[in-house]
Amino acid sequence: MNTNNGGNLIAGNYEASFDGSNLTSGVYFYRLQANGFTETKRMTLIK
C-alpha cells in the first residue's frame, strides 16, 4: 500500500482514510515521511 498526496502541503493537521476490510486481523506497520523525517508506527487490526 502506498499513499502519496502528489505534492507539497502547508503545515497543519491532515487525515488519511484506511480501509482494512480486505485484510486479515493482525499487526501492520505504516511509515510517515516528510522533509527528511521518517517515523514507522504499528497498527493492530482486529476484526
Protein backbone atom coordinates (compact mmCIF):
# COMPACT_ATOMS: atom_id res chain seq x y z
CA MET A 1 0.00 0.00 0.00
CA ASN A 2 1.31 3.43 -0.86
CA THR A 3 -0.43 6.76 -0.46
CA ASN A 4 1.05 9.93 -1.81
CA ASN A 5 -0.68 13.30 -1.87
CA GLY A 6 1.16 14.16 -5.08
CA GLY A 7 2.63 17.44 -3.88
CA ASN A 8 3.62 19.66 -1.00
CA LEU A 9 1.21 20.64 1.73
CA ILE A 10 1.36 23.60 4.07
CA ALA A 11 1.92 22.91 7.75
CA GLY A 12 -1.19 21.67 9.52
CA ASN A 13 -3.19 18.62 10.51
CA TYR A 14 -4.26 16.11 7.89
CA GLU A 15 -6.22 12.86 7.83
CA ALA A 16 -5.92 9.80 5.64
CA SER A 17 -8.59 7.11 5.32
CA PHE A 18 -7.71 3.46 5.69
CA ASP A 19 -9.92 0.59 4.51
CA GLY A 20 -8.78 -2.67 6.06
CA SER A 21 -11.87 -4.66 5.01
CA ASN A 22 -9.81 -6.83 2.66
CA LEU A 23 -7.07 -7.53 5.23
CA THR A 24 -6.96 -10.16 7.94
CA SER A 25 -6.62 -9.36 11.63
CA GLY A 26 -3.00 -8.78 12.57
CA VAL A 27 -0.26 -6.27 13.17
CA TYR A 28 0.61 -3.92 10.33
CA PHE A 29 3.29 -1.25 10.07
CA TYR A 30 2.99 2.11 8.37
CA ARG A 31 5.53 4.82 7.69
CA LEU A 32 5.16 8.59 7.80
CA GLN A 33 7.69 10.60 5.79
CA ALA A 34 8.07 14.38 5.42
CA ASN A 35 11.03 16.69 4.81
CA GLY A 36 13.69 14.20 5.90
CA PHE A 37 11.58 13.00 8.85
CA THR A 38 10.60 9.32 8.88
CA GLU A 39 8.63 7.51 11.56
CA THR A 40 7.34 3.93 11.48
CA LYS A 41 4.26 3.10 13.56
CA ARG A 42 2.47 -0.14 14.38
CA MET A 43 -1.25 -0.64 13.86
CA THR A 44 -3.26 -3.59 15.20
CA LEU A 45 -6.26 -4.57 13.10
CA ILE A 46 -8.89 -6.61 14.95
CA LYS A 47 -11.97 -7.93 13.19
